[in-house]
């Protein structure tokens, strides 16, 4: 994910067309009000990633169900790094 862009709610609402295009490279645009994050605008790629994560939140695996790709991802995971 690229650098997260922070934009005031006023600027976001006035320049939505600009940010609609920028979100594809930024991935996430944080919307702030009075220096506090009040929401975010995310790219389609980040939305799909979010949906996969939400689906897996409740997904449990029996050890016999873990395929080589998932096992490899677990073994190679680094703390604090977001996987694709």
N, C-alpha and C. Protein backbone atom coordinates (compact mmCIF):
# COMPACT_ATOMS: atom_id res chain seq x y z
N UNK A 1 0.84 -1.17 0.00
CA UNK A 1 0.00 0.00 0.00
C UNK A 1 0.89 1.23 0.00
N UNK A 2 0.50 2.23 -0.74
CA UNK A 2 1.24 3.47 -0.82
C UNK A 2 0.99 4.31 0.43
N UNK A 3 1.64 5.47 0.50
CA UNK A 3 1.48 6.38 1.62
C UNK A 3 0.03 6.79 1.76
N UNK A 4 -0.49 6.77 2.98
CA UNK A 4 -1.89 7.15 3.23
C UNK A 4 -2.01 8.66 3.16
N UNK A 5 -2.94 9.12 2.37
CA UNK A 5 -3.20 10.53 2.18
C UNK A 5 -4.22 10.99 3.20
N UNK A 6 -3.98 12.11 3.89
CA UNK A 6 -4.93 12.67 4.84
C UNK A 6 -5.50 13.95 4.27
N UNK A 7 -6.83 14.06 4.29
CA UNK A 7 -7.53 15.20 3.69
C UNK A 7 -8.64 15.63 4.64
N UNK A 8 -8.83 16.93 4.77
CA UNK A 8 -9.93 17.41 5.61
C UNK A 8 -11.25 17.07 4.93
N UNK A 9 -12.29 16.94 5.74
CA UNK A 9 -13.61 16.61 5.20
C UNK A 9 -14.08 17.67 4.21
N UNK A 10 -13.78 18.92 4.51
CA UNK A 10 -14.18 20.00 3.61
C UNK A 10 -13.48 19.87 2.26
N UNK A 11 -12.16 19.67 2.28
CA UNK A 11 -11.41 19.52 1.02
C UNK A 11 -11.88 18.29 0.25
N UNK A 12 -12.15 17.22 0.99
CA UNK A 12 -12.61 15.99 0.33
C UNK A 12 -13.94 16.20 -0.39
N UNK A 13 -14.87 16.85 0.30
CA UNK A 13 -16.19 17.05 -0.32
C UNK A 13 -16.12 18.01 -1.50
N UNK A 14 -15.26 19.00 -1.40
CA UNK A 14 -15.12 19.96 -2.51
C UNK A 14 -14.34 19.41 -3.69
N UNK A 15 -13.43 18.48 -3.41
CA UNK A 15 -12.57 17.96 -4.47
C UNK A 15 -12.75 16.48 -4.70
N UNK A 16 -13.98 15.99 -4.55
CA UNK A 16 -14.22 14.56 -4.66
C UNK A 16 -13.70 13.98 -5.96
N UNK A 17 -13.91 14.67 -7.07
CA UNK A 17 -13.46 14.16 -8.37
C UNK A 17 -11.96 13.92 -8.39
N UNK A 18 -11.21 14.83 -7.79
CA UNK A 18 -9.75 14.69 -7.72
C UNK A 18 -9.38 13.47 -6.88
N UNK A 19 -10.00 13.33 -5.72
CA UNK A 19 -9.67 12.23 -4.81
C UNK A 19 -10.18 10.89 -5.32
N UNK A 20 -11.24 10.91 -6.10
CA UNK A 20 -11.73 9.68 -6.73
C UNK A 20 -10.65 9.09 -7.62
N UNK A 21 -9.89 9.94 -8.29
CA UNK A 21 -8.79 9.48 -9.14
C UNK A 21 -7.54 9.14 -8.32
N UNK A 22 -7.26 9.93 -7.29
CA UNK A 22 -6.05 9.73 -6.49
C UNK A 22 -6.10 8.48 -5.63
N UNK A 23 -7.29 8.02 -5.27
CA UNK A 23 -7.39 6.87 -4.37
C UNK A 23 -6.79 5.62 -4.99
N UNK A 24 -6.76 5.54 -6.31
CA UNK A 24 -6.19 4.36 -6.97
C UNK A 24 -4.70 4.23 -6.70
N UNK A 25 -3.99 5.35 -6.61
CA UNK A 25 -2.56 5.28 -6.30
C UNK A 25 -2.30 5.33 -4.80
N UNK A 26 -3.15 6.04 -4.06
CA UNK A 26 -2.96 6.16 -2.61
C UNK A 26 -3.42 4.90 -1.88
N UNK A 27 -4.45 4.25 -2.39
CA UNK A 27 -5.01 3.07 -1.71
C UNK A 27 -6.02 3.47 -0.66
N UNK A 28 -5.62 4.37 0.24
CA UNK A 28 -6.50 4.83 1.31
C UNK A 28 -6.35 6.34 1.45
N UNK A 29 -7.47 7.02 1.57
CA UNK A 29 -7.47 8.45 1.88
C UNK A 29 -8.21 8.60 3.20
N UNK A 30 -7.49 9.09 4.23
CA UNK A 30 -8.13 9.33 5.53
C UNK A 30 -8.81 10.69 5.50
N UNK A 31 -10.05 10.72 5.94
CA UNK A 31 -10.82 11.95 6.00
C UNK A 31 -10.79 12.44 7.44
N UNK A 32 -10.37 13.71 7.63
CA UNK A 32 -10.24 14.25 8.98
C UNK A 32 -11.18 15.43 9.19
N UNK A 33 -11.51 15.63 10.44
CA UNK A 33 -12.28 16.80 10.86
C UNK A 33 -11.68 17.26 12.18
N UNK A 34 -11.23 18.48 12.22
CA UNK A 34 -10.58 19.02 13.42
C UNK A 34 -9.43 18.13 13.86
N UNK A 35 -8.61 17.72 12.89
CA UNK A 35 -7.41 16.90 13.12
C UNK A 35 -7.71 15.52 13.70
N UNK A 36 -8.91 15.03 13.50
CA UNK A 36 -9.30 13.70 13.98
C UNK A 36 -9.84 12.92 12.80
N UNK A 37 -9.40 11.68 12.65
CA UNK A 37 -9.87 10.84 11.54
C UNK A 37 -11.34 10.49 11.78
N UNK A 38 -12.19 10.82 10.80
CA UNK A 38 -13.62 10.55 10.91
C UNK A 38 -14.09 9.51 9.90
N UNK A 39 -13.20 9.11 9.01
CA UNK A 39 -13.57 8.11 8.02
C UNK A 39 -12.44 7.92 7.03
N UNK A 40 -12.72 7.10 6.03
CA UNK A 40 -11.71 6.84 5.01
C UNK A 40 -12.39 6.53 3.68
N UNK A 41 -11.68 6.81 2.61
CA UNK A 41 -12.12 6.49 1.26
C UNK A 41 -11.08 5.53 0.72
N UNK A 42 -11.50 4.35 0.28
CA UNK A 42 -10.54 3.34 -0.12
C UNK A 42 -10.73 2.93 -1.58
N UNK A 43 -9.63 2.49 -2.16
CA UNK A 43 -9.65 2.07 -3.56
C UNK A 43 -10.37 0.73 -3.69
N UNK A 44 -10.79 0.38 -4.90
CA UNK A 44 -11.42 -0.93 -5.11
C UNK A 44 -10.51 -2.08 -4.66
N UNK A 45 -9.21 -1.96 -4.88
CA UNK A 45 -8.27 -3.00 -4.47
C UNK A 45 -8.27 -3.15 -2.95
N UNK A 46 -8.23 -2.03 -2.24
CA UNK A 46 -8.26 -2.08 -0.77
C UNK A 46 -9.61 -2.58 -0.27
N UNK A 47 -10.69 -2.26 -0.96
CA UNK A 47 -12.01 -2.74 -0.57
C UNK A 47 -12.08 -4.26 -0.68
N UNK A 48 -11.54 -4.80 -1.75
CA UNK A 48 -11.53 -6.25 -1.92
C UNK A 48 -10.67 -6.91 -0.83
N UNK A 49 -9.54 -6.31 -0.52
CA UNK A 49 -8.68 -6.81 0.55
C UNK A 49 -9.43 -6.79 1.88
N UNK A 50 -10.12 -5.71 2.16
CA UNK A 50 -10.92 -5.58 3.38
C UNK A 50 -11.99 -6.67 3.45
N UNK A 51 -12.66 -6.89 2.34
CA UNK A 51 -13.72 -7.92 2.31
C UNK A 51 -13.15 -9.31 2.58
N UNK A 52 -11.98 -9.61 1.99
CA UNK A 52 -11.35 -10.92 2.24
C UNK A 52 -10.98 -11.05 3.72
N UNK A 53 -10.44 -9.99 4.31
CA UNK A 53 -10.09 -10.04 5.73
C UNK A 53 -11.32 -10.24 6.60
N UNK A 54 -12.40 -9.52 6.29
CA UNK A 54 -13.64 -9.67 7.07
C UNK A 54 -14.19 -11.08 6.95
N UNK A 55 -14.09 -11.66 5.78
CA UNK A 55 -14.59 -13.02 5.58
C UNK A 55 -13.76 -14.01 6.40
N UNK A 56 -12.45 -13.79 6.44
CA UNK A 56 -11.57 -14.70 7.18
C UNK A 56 -11.63 -14.50 8.68
N UNK A 57 -12.17 -13.39 9.15
CA UNK A 57 -12.28 -13.16 10.58
C UNK A 57 -13.00 -14.30 11.28
N UNK A 58 -14.00 -14.79 10.64
CA UNK A 58 -14.83 -15.83 11.23
C UNK A 58 -14.53 -17.21 10.65
N UNK A 59 -13.55 -17.27 9.81
CA UNK A 59 -13.23 -18.52 9.15
C UNK A 59 -12.20 -19.29 9.97
N UNK A 60 -12.54 -20.51 10.32
CA UNK A 60 -11.62 -21.37 11.06
C UNK A 60 -11.20 -22.52 10.16
N UNK A 61 -9.98 -22.94 10.33
CA UNK A 61 -9.45 -24.04 9.54
C UNK A 61 -9.06 -25.19 10.46
N UNK A 62 -9.38 -26.37 10.05
CA UNK A 62 -8.82 -27.56 10.70
C UNK A 62 -7.45 -27.76 10.06
N UNK A 63 -6.50 -28.25 10.84
CA UNK A 63 -5.15 -28.38 10.33
C UNK A 63 -5.09 -29.20 9.04
N UNK A 64 -6.00 -30.12 8.86
CA UNK A 64 -6.00 -30.92 7.62
C UNK A 64 -6.47 -30.12 6.41
N UNK A 65 -7.10 -28.97 6.64
CA UNK A 65 -7.61 -28.13 5.55
C UNK A 65 -6.62 -27.09 5.07
N UNK A 66 -5.52 -26.90 5.79
CA UNK A 66 -4.55 -25.86 5.44
C UNK A 66 -3.74 -26.32 4.23
N UNK A 67 -3.85 -25.53 3.14
CA UNK A 67 -3.10 -25.88 1.93
C UNK A 67 -1.68 -25.29 2.00
N UNK A 68 -0.87 -25.65 1.04
CA UNK A 68 0.53 -25.21 1.04
C UNK A 68 0.68 -23.70 0.95
N UNK A 69 -0.20 -23.03 0.18
CA UNK A 69 -0.13 -21.57 0.05
C UNK A 69 -0.38 -20.88 1.39
N UNK A 70 -1.42 -21.31 2.10
CA UNK A 70 -1.74 -20.71 3.39
C UNK A 70 -0.64 -21.00 4.40
N UNK A 71 -0.14 -22.22 4.43
CA UNK A 71 0.93 -22.59 5.35
C UNK A 71 2.18 -21.76 5.07
N UNK A 72 2.50 -21.57 3.80
CA UNK A 72 3.66 -20.76 3.43
C UNK A 72 3.46 -19.31 3.86
N UNK A 73 2.26 -18.78 3.67
CA UNK A 73 1.97 -17.40 4.07
C UNK A 73 2.13 -17.23 5.58
N UNK A 74 1.69 -18.21 6.34
CA UNK A 74 1.82 -18.15 7.80
C UNK A 74 3.29 -18.22 8.20
N UNK A 75 4.02 -19.13 7.60
CA UNK A 75 5.43 -19.30 7.94
C UNK A 75 6.27 -18.07 7.58
N UNK A 76 5.90 -17.37 6.53
CA UNK A 76 6.68 -16.23 6.07
C UNK A 76 6.15 -14.88 6.55
N UNK A 77 5.13 -14.91 7.39
CA UNK A 77 4.53 -13.67 7.88
C UNK A 77 5.51 -12.90 8.75
N UNK A 78 5.49 -11.59 8.61
CA UNK A 78 6.34 -10.70 9.41
C UNK A 78 5.43 -9.82 10.25
N UNK A 79 5.75 -9.71 11.52
CA UNK A 79 4.96 -8.87 12.42
C UNK A 79 4.95 -7.43 11.93
N UNK A 80 3.77 -6.83 11.87
CA UNK A 80 3.64 -5.44 11.48
C UNK A 80 3.58 -5.18 9.99
N UNK A 81 3.70 -6.23 9.17
CA UNK A 81 3.63 -6.08 7.72
C UNK A 81 2.31 -6.62 7.20
N UNK A 82 1.69 -5.87 6.30
CA UNK A 82 0.42 -6.28 5.72
C UNK A 82 0.71 -7.17 4.53
N UNK A 83 0.08 -8.34 4.51
CA UNK A 83 0.27 -9.24 3.37
C UNK A 83 -0.72 -8.91 2.29
N UNK A 84 -0.45 -9.36 1.09
CA UNK A 84 -1.35 -9.12 -0.05
C UNK A 84 -2.46 -10.11 -0.07
